[in-house]
Amino acid sequence: MWTREAIEALGPTMDVPTVASIFGVNKDTVYAQIRRGEWTATRVLTLGRKLKIPTRDLVSLLYAPEPAATPSRDEAEHHCASGPYIPSSEAMTSHTQCGCRVGESAVIRPLRGA
């Protein structure tokens, strides 16, 4: 089983058999996808007759960071930089504690022509 640390220890690039091993497929499958232009998982570097896969691409694919949580309505409306976000349920009525005002600039509108 390949770990992130083991993959990163391979250096800046790796060969196709190593990539196939990481994915748990036959190397001929990966070579065939690259040859047909169907390999979209990572970039493929051609160095003479050798094919190399950037390690960073593979690590990014396999260990992508968790998507950021979508802010709640209160968080989206609270845009001042004067301090940490305090939810309205905790006595933050109309941002009176921080002094900011939600105004025209806080309204999100669709782009024209979209």
N, C-alpha and C. Protein backbone atom coordinates (compact mmCIF):
# COMPACT_ATOMS: atom_id res chain seq x y z
N MET A 1 0.85 -1.18 0.00
CA MET A 1 0.00 0.00 0.00
C MET A 1 0.89 1.23 0.00
N TRP A 2 0.62 2.15 -0.88
CA TRP A 2 1.40 3.37 -1.01
C TRP A 2 0.85 4.44 -0.06
N THR A 3 1.74 5.06 0.68
CA THR A 3 1.35 6.18 1.54
C THR A 3 1.80 7.47 0.87
N ARG A 4 1.28 8.57 1.36
CA ARG A 4 1.68 9.87 0.82
C ARG A 4 3.18 10.07 0.97
N GLU A 5 3.72 9.71 2.13
CA GLU A 5 5.14 9.89 2.38
C GLU A 5 5.98 9.05 1.42
N ALA A 6 5.54 7.83 1.15
CA ALA A 6 6.28 6.95 0.23
C ALA A 6 6.26 7.51 -1.19
N ILE A 7 5.14 8.08 -1.60
CA ILE A 7 5.03 8.66 -2.94
C ILE A 7 5.92 9.90 -3.03
N GLU A 8 5.86 10.77 -2.04
CA GLU A 8 6.67 11.99 -2.06
C GLU A 8 8.17 11.67 -2.03
N ALA A 9 8.54 10.54 -1.41
CA ALA A 9 9.95 10.16 -1.33
C ALA A 9 10.51 9.69 -2.68
N LEU A 10 9.65 9.50 -3.67
CA LEU A 10 10.12 9.03 -4.99
C LEU A 10 10.89 10.11 -5.74
N GLY A 11 10.79 11.34 -5.33
CA GLY A 11 11.47 12.42 -6.03
C GLY A 11 10.49 13.23 -6.86
N PRO A 12 11.01 14.11 -7.71
CA PRO A 12 10.13 15.02 -8.46
C PRO A 12 9.29 14.34 -9.53
N THR A 13 9.77 13.23 -10.09
CA THR A 13 9.00 12.51 -11.11
C THR A 13 9.09 11.01 -10.84
N MET A 14 8.19 10.28 -11.49
CA MET A 14 8.21 8.82 -11.38
C MET A 14 7.91 8.23 -12.75
N ASP A 15 8.23 6.96 -12.90
CA ASP A 15 7.97 6.30 -14.18
C ASP A 15 6.57 5.70 -14.20
N VAL A 16 6.16 5.27 -15.37
CA VAL A 16 4.81 4.73 -15.56
C VAL A 16 4.57 3.45 -14.75
N PRO A 17 5.51 2.50 -14.69
CA PRO A 17 5.25 1.32 -13.86
C PRO A 17 4.98 1.65 -12.39
N THR A 18 5.66 2.67 -11.87
CA THR A 18 5.42 3.08 -10.48
C THR A 18 4.03 3.68 -10.33
N VAL A 19 3.61 4.51 -11.28
CA VAL A 19 2.27 5.09 -11.24
C VAL A 19 1.22 3.98 -11.31
N ALA A 20 1.44 3.01 -12.17
CA ALA A 20 0.51 1.88 -12.28
C ALA A 20 0.43 1.13 -10.96
N SER A 21 1.54 0.94 -10.31
CA SER A 21 1.56 0.26 -9.01
C SER A 21 0.77 1.04 -7.97
N ILE A 22 0.92 2.35 -7.97
CA ILE A 22 0.19 3.19 -7.01
C ILE A 22 -1.31 3.08 -7.24
N PHE A 23 -1.73 3.08 -8.51
CA PHE A 23 -3.15 2.97 -8.83
C PHE A 23 -3.66 1.54 -8.76
N GLY A 24 -2.75 0.57 -8.71
CA GLY A 24 -3.17 -0.82 -8.64
C GLY A 24 -3.66 -1.37 -9.96
N VAL A 25 -3.05 -0.89 -11.06
CA VAL A 25 -3.42 -1.38 -12.39
C VAL A 25 -2.16 -1.85 -13.11
N ASN A 26 -2.35 -2.49 -14.23
CA ASN A 26 -1.24 -2.96 -15.04
C ASN A 26 -0.58 -1.77 -15.73
N LYS A 27 0.73 -1.79 -15.84
CA LYS A 27 1.45 -0.68 -16.48
C LYS A 27 1.03 -0.50 -17.94
N ASP A 28 0.67 -1.60 -18.61
CA ASP A 28 0.24 -1.50 -20.00
C ASP A 28 -1.04 -0.69 -20.14
N THR A 29 -1.88 -0.74 -19.13
CA THR A 29 -3.12 0.06 -19.13
C THR A 29 -2.79 1.54 -19.13
N VAL A 30 -1.85 1.94 -18.29
CA VAL A 30 -1.46 3.35 -18.21
C VAL A 30 -0.78 3.78 -19.50
N TYR A 31 0.17 2.95 -20.01
CA TYR A 31 0.84 3.27 -21.27
C TYR A 31 -0.18 3.44 -22.40
N ALA A 32 -1.17 2.57 -22.46
CA ALA A 32 -2.19 2.64 -23.52
C ALA A 32 -3.01 3.92 -23.41
N GLN A 33 -3.39 4.30 -22.19
CA GLN A 33 -4.15 5.53 -22.02
C GLN A 33 -3.34 6.75 -22.43
N ILE A 34 -2.08 6.76 -22.08
CA ILE A 34 -1.21 7.88 -22.47
C ILE A 34 -1.09 7.93 -23.99
N ARG A 35 -0.85 6.80 -24.61
CA ARG A 35 -0.68 6.73 -26.07
C ARG A 35 -1.94 7.21 -26.80
N ARG A 36 -3.12 6.86 -26.27
CA ARG A 36 -4.39 7.27 -26.91
C ARG A 36 -4.82 8.68 -26.51
N GLY A 37 -4.08 9.32 -25.62
CA GLY A 37 -4.45 10.68 -25.18
C GLY A 37 -5.59 10.68 -24.17
N GLU A 38 -5.84 9.55 -23.53
CA GLU A 38 -6.94 9.43 -22.57
C GLU A 38 -6.48 9.62 -21.12
N TRP A 39 -5.19 9.73 -20.89
CA TRP A 39 -4.67 9.89 -19.52
C TRP A 39 -4.86 11.33 -19.10
N THR A 40 -5.77 11.56 -18.17
CA THR A 40 -6.06 12.92 -17.70
C THR A 40 -5.78 13.09 -16.21
N ALA A 41 -5.30 12.05 -15.57
CA ALA A 41 -5.08 12.11 -14.12
C ALA A 41 -3.95 13.05 -13.75
N THR A 42 -2.90 13.09 -14.56
CA THR A 42 -1.73 13.93 -14.29
C THR A 42 -1.15 14.41 -15.61
N ARG A 43 -0.16 15.27 -15.50
CA ARG A 43 0.61 15.64 -16.69
C ARG A 43 1.54 14.47 -17.03
N VAL A 44 1.93 14.40 -18.28
CA VAL A 44 2.89 13.39 -18.71
C VAL A 44 4.05 14.13 -19.36
N LEU A 45 5.25 13.92 -18.83
CA LEU A 45 6.44 14.56 -19.37
C LEU A 45 7.16 13.56 -20.27
N THR A 46 7.44 13.96 -21.50
CA THR A 46 8.15 13.10 -22.42
C THR A 46 9.60 13.57 -22.47
N LEU A 47 10.49 12.71 -22.03
CA LEU A 47 11.91 13.00 -22.03
C LEU A 47 12.59 11.98 -22.93
N GLY A 48 12.74 12.35 -24.20
CA GLY A 48 13.25 11.38 -25.18
C GLY A 48 12.20 10.30 -25.37
N ARG A 49 12.58 9.06 -25.10
CA ARG A 49 11.62 7.96 -25.19
C ARG A 49 11.00 7.62 -23.85
N LYS A 50 11.44 8.32 -22.81
CA LYS A 50 10.94 8.02 -21.46
C LYS A 50 9.75 8.91 -21.14
N LEU A 51 8.80 8.31 -20.44
CA LEU A 51 7.63 9.05 -19.95
C LEU A 51 7.77 9.19 -18.45
N LYS A 52 7.59 10.40 -17.97
CA LYS A 52 7.68 10.66 -16.53
C LYS A 52 6.41 11.35 -16.07
N ILE A 53 6.00 11.03 -14.86
CA ILE A 53 4.82 11.62 -14.25
C ILE A 53 5.29 12.47 -13.07
N PRO A 54 4.90 13.76 -13.01
CA PRO A 54 5.28 14.59 -11.87
C PRO A 54 4.65 14.08 -10.57
N THR A 55 5.48 13.89 -9.58
CA THR A 55 5.02 13.38 -8.29
C THR A 55 4.00 14.32 -7.67
N ARG A 56 4.23 15.62 -7.80
CA ARG A 56 3.31 16.60 -7.23
C ARG A 56 1.90 16.45 -7.80
N ASP A 57 1.79 16.17 -9.09
CA ASP A 57 0.48 15.98 -9.70
C ASP A 57 -0.26 14.80 -9.07
N LEU A 58 0.46 13.72 -8.87
CA LEU A 58 -0.16 12.52 -8.31
C LEU A 58 -0.56 12.73 -6.85
N VAL A 59 0.31 13.38 -6.09
CA VAL A 59 -0.01 13.67 -4.69
C VAL A 59 -1.24 14.58 -4.60
N SER A 60 -1.29 15.60 -5.47
CA SER A 60 -2.45 16.51 -5.48
C SER A 60 -3.73 15.78 -5.83
N LEU A 61 -3.64 14.85 -6.75
CA LEU A 61 -4.82 14.08 -7.15
C LEU A 61 -5.30 13.16 -6.03
N LEU A 62 -4.38 12.46 -5.42
CA LEU A 62 -4.76 11.47 -4.41
C LEU A 62 -5.04 12.07 -3.03
N TYR A 63 -4.39 13.15 -2.71
CA TYR A 63 -4.51 13.73 -1.37
C TYR A 63 -4.94 15.18 -1.43
N ALA A 64 -5.95 15.46 -2.23
CA ALA A 64 -6.47 16.83 -2.35
C ALA A 64 -7.00 17.29 -1.00
N PRO A 65 -6.82 18.57 -0.67
CA PRO A 65 -7.35 19.06 0.60
C PRO A 65 -8.87 19.00 0.60
N GLU A 66 -9.42 18.90 1.79
CA GLU A 66 -10.88 18.89 1.92
C GLU A 66 -11.42 20.24 1.43
N PRO A 67 -12.55 20.23 0.72
CA PRO A 67 -13.12 21.50 0.27
C PRO A 67 -13.50 22.35 1.48
N ALA A 68 -13.31 23.65 1.33
CA ALA A 68 -13.66 24.57 2.41
C ALA A 68 -15.16 24.56 2.62
N ALA A 69 -15.56 24.66 3.87
CA ALA A 69 -16.98 24.68 4.19
C ALA A 69 -17.60 25.97 3.67
N THR A 70 -18.81 25.87 3.18
CA THR A 70 -19.53 27.04 2.72
C THR A 70 -19.97 27.83 3.94
N PRO A 71 -19.68 29.14 3.96
CA PRO A 71 -20.06 29.93 5.14
C PRO A 71 -21.57 30.00 5.30
N SER A 72 -21.99 30.06 6.56
CA SER A 72 -23.42 30.21 6.82
C SER A 72 -23.85 31.60 6.41
N ARG A 73 -25.13 31.86 6.43
CA ARG A 73 -25.64 33.17 6.03
C ARG A 73 -25.07 34.26 6.93
N ASP A 74 -24.99 33.99 8.24
CA ASP A 74 -24.43 34.99 9.16
C ASP A 74 -22.97 35.26 8.85
N GLU A 75 -22.21 34.22 8.54
CA GLU A 75 -20.80 34.41 8.23
C GLU A 75 -20.63 35.19 6.93
N ALA A 76 -21.47 34.89 5.95
CA ALA A 76 -21.38 35.58 4.67
C ALA A 76 -21.73 37.05 4.82
N GLU A 77 -22.68 37.37 5.69
CA GLU A 77 -23.08 38.76 5.88
C GLU A 77 -22.07 39.52 6.72
N HIS A 78 -21.35 38.84 7.58
CA HIS A 78 -20.40 39.50 8.47
C HIS A 78 -19.08 39.64 7.74
N HIS A 79 -18.74 40.85 7.33
CA HIS A 79 -17.56 41.04 6.51
C HIS A 79 -16.56 42.02 7.12
N CYS A 80 -16.74 42.40 8.36
CA CYS A 80 -15.81 43.36 8.94
C CYS A 80 -14.50 42.67 9.32
N ALA A 81 -13.46 43.44 9.42
CA ALA A 81 -12.15 42.89 9.77
C ALA A 81 -11.78 43.27 11.20
N SER A 82 -12.74 43.78 11.96
CA SER A 82 -12.41 44.28 13.29
C SER A 82 -12.30 43.17 14.34
N GLY A 83 -12.66 41.98 14.01
CA GLY A 83 -12.56 40.92 14.99
C GLY A 83 -13.11 39.62 14.49
N PRO A 84 -13.12 38.60 15.33
CA PRO A 84 -13.61 37.29 14.90
C PRO A 84 -15.12 37.30 14.69
N TYR A 85 -15.56 36.38 13.90
CA TYR A 85 -16.99 36.25 13.62
C TYR A 85 -17.72 35.80 14.87
N ILE A 86 -18.81 36.50 15.20
CA ILE A 86 -19.67 36.11 16.32
C ILE A 86 -21.06 35.93 15.74
N PRO A 87 -21.63 34.73 15.81
CA PRO A 87 -22.94 34.48 15.20
C PRO A 87 -24.02 35.38 15.77
N SER A 88 -25.03 35.69 14.96
CA SER A 88 -26.12 36.55 15.41
C SER A 88 -26.90 35.92 16.55
N SER A 89 -26.89 34.60 16.63
CA SER A 89 -27.59 33.93 17.72
C SER A 89 -26.92 34.22 19.06
N GLU A 90 -25.72 34.78 19.02
CA GLU A 90 -25.01 35.13 20.24
C GLU A 90 -24.95 36.65 20.39
N ALA A 91 -26.08 37.29 20.34
CA ALA A 91 -26.22 38.74 20.54
C ALA A 91 -25.44 39.56 19.52
N MET A 92 -25.53 39.21 18.26
CA MET A 92 -24.85 39.95 17.21
C MET A 92 -25.90 40.55 16.28
N THR A 93 -26.86 41.23 16.83
CA THR A 93 -27.94 41.78 16.05
C THR A 93 -27.43 42.96 15.23
N SER A 94 -27.56 42.89 13.94
CA SER A 94 -27.16 43.94 13.00
C SER A 94 -25.72 44.39 13.18
N HIS A 95 -24.88 43.51 13.61
CA HIS A 95 -23.45 43.81 13.74
C HIS A 95 -23.17 44.97 14.68
N THR A 96 -24.01 45.16 15.70
CA THR A 96 -23.82 46.28 16.61
C THR A 96 -22.57 46.14 17.46
N GLN A 97 -22.13 44.94 17.72
CA GLN A 97 -20.94 44.76 18.54
C GLN A 97 -19.66 45.11 17.80
N CYS A 98 -19.63 44.91 16.51
CA CYS A 98 -18.40 45.20 15.77
C CYS A 98 -18.46 46.56 15.09
N GLY A 99 -19.64 47.10 14.91
CA GLY A 99 -19.77 48.42 14.30
C GLY A 99 -19.85 48.42 12.80
N CYS A 100 -19.79 47.28 12.15
CA CYS A 100 -19.88 47.28 10.69
C CYS A 100 -21.35 47.28 10.26
N ARG A 101 -21.56 47.63 9.03
CA ARG A 101 -22.91 47.64 8.47
C ARG A 101 -22.92 46.83 7.18
N VAL A 102 -23.94 46.04 7.06
CA VAL A 102 -24.12 45.30 5.82
C VAL A 102 -24.85 46.25 4.88
N GLY A 103 -24.17 46.62 3.84
CA GLY A 103 -24.76 47.59 2.92
C GLY A 103 -24.81 47.08 1.52
N GLU A 104 -24.90 47.99 0.61
CA GLU A 104 -25.00 47.69 -0.81
C GLU A 104 -23.84 46.82 -1.29
N SER A 105 -22.65 47.03 -0.75
CA SER A 105 -21.48 46.29 -1.22
C SER A 105 -21.53 44.82 -0.82
N ALA A 106 -22.33 44.47 0.14
CA ALA A 106 -22.40 43.08 0.60
C ALA A 106 -23.39 42.25 -0.21
N VAL A 107 -24.10 42.88 -1.14
CA VAL A 107 -25.10 42.17 -1.93
C VAL A 107 -24.39 41.52 -3.12
N ILE A 108 -24.65 40.23 -3.34
CA ILE A 108 -24.06 39.52 -4.46
C ILE A 108 -25.07 39.51 -5.59
N ARG A 109 -24.65 39.99 -6.73
CA ARG A 109 -25.51 40.04 -7.91
C ARG A 109 -24.88 39.24 -9.04
N PRO A 110 -25.71 38.66 -9.92
CA PRO A 110 -25.14 37.93 -11.05
C PRO A 110 -24.47 38.90 -12.02
N LEU A 111 -23.51 38.38 -12.78
CA LEU A 111 -22.82 39.20 -13.77
C LEU A 111 -23.80 39.59 -14.87
N ARG A 112 -23.56 40.75 -15.44
CA ARG A 112 -24.42 41.19 -16.56
C ARG A 112 -24.23 40.27 -17.74
N GLY A 113 -25.32 39.95 -18.37
CA GLY A 113 -25.28 39.11 -19.55
C GLY A 113 -25.13 37.62 -19.24
N ALA A 114 -25.11 37.28 -17.96
CA ALA A 114 -24.94 35.88 -17.60
C ALA A 114 -26.27 35.19 -17.48
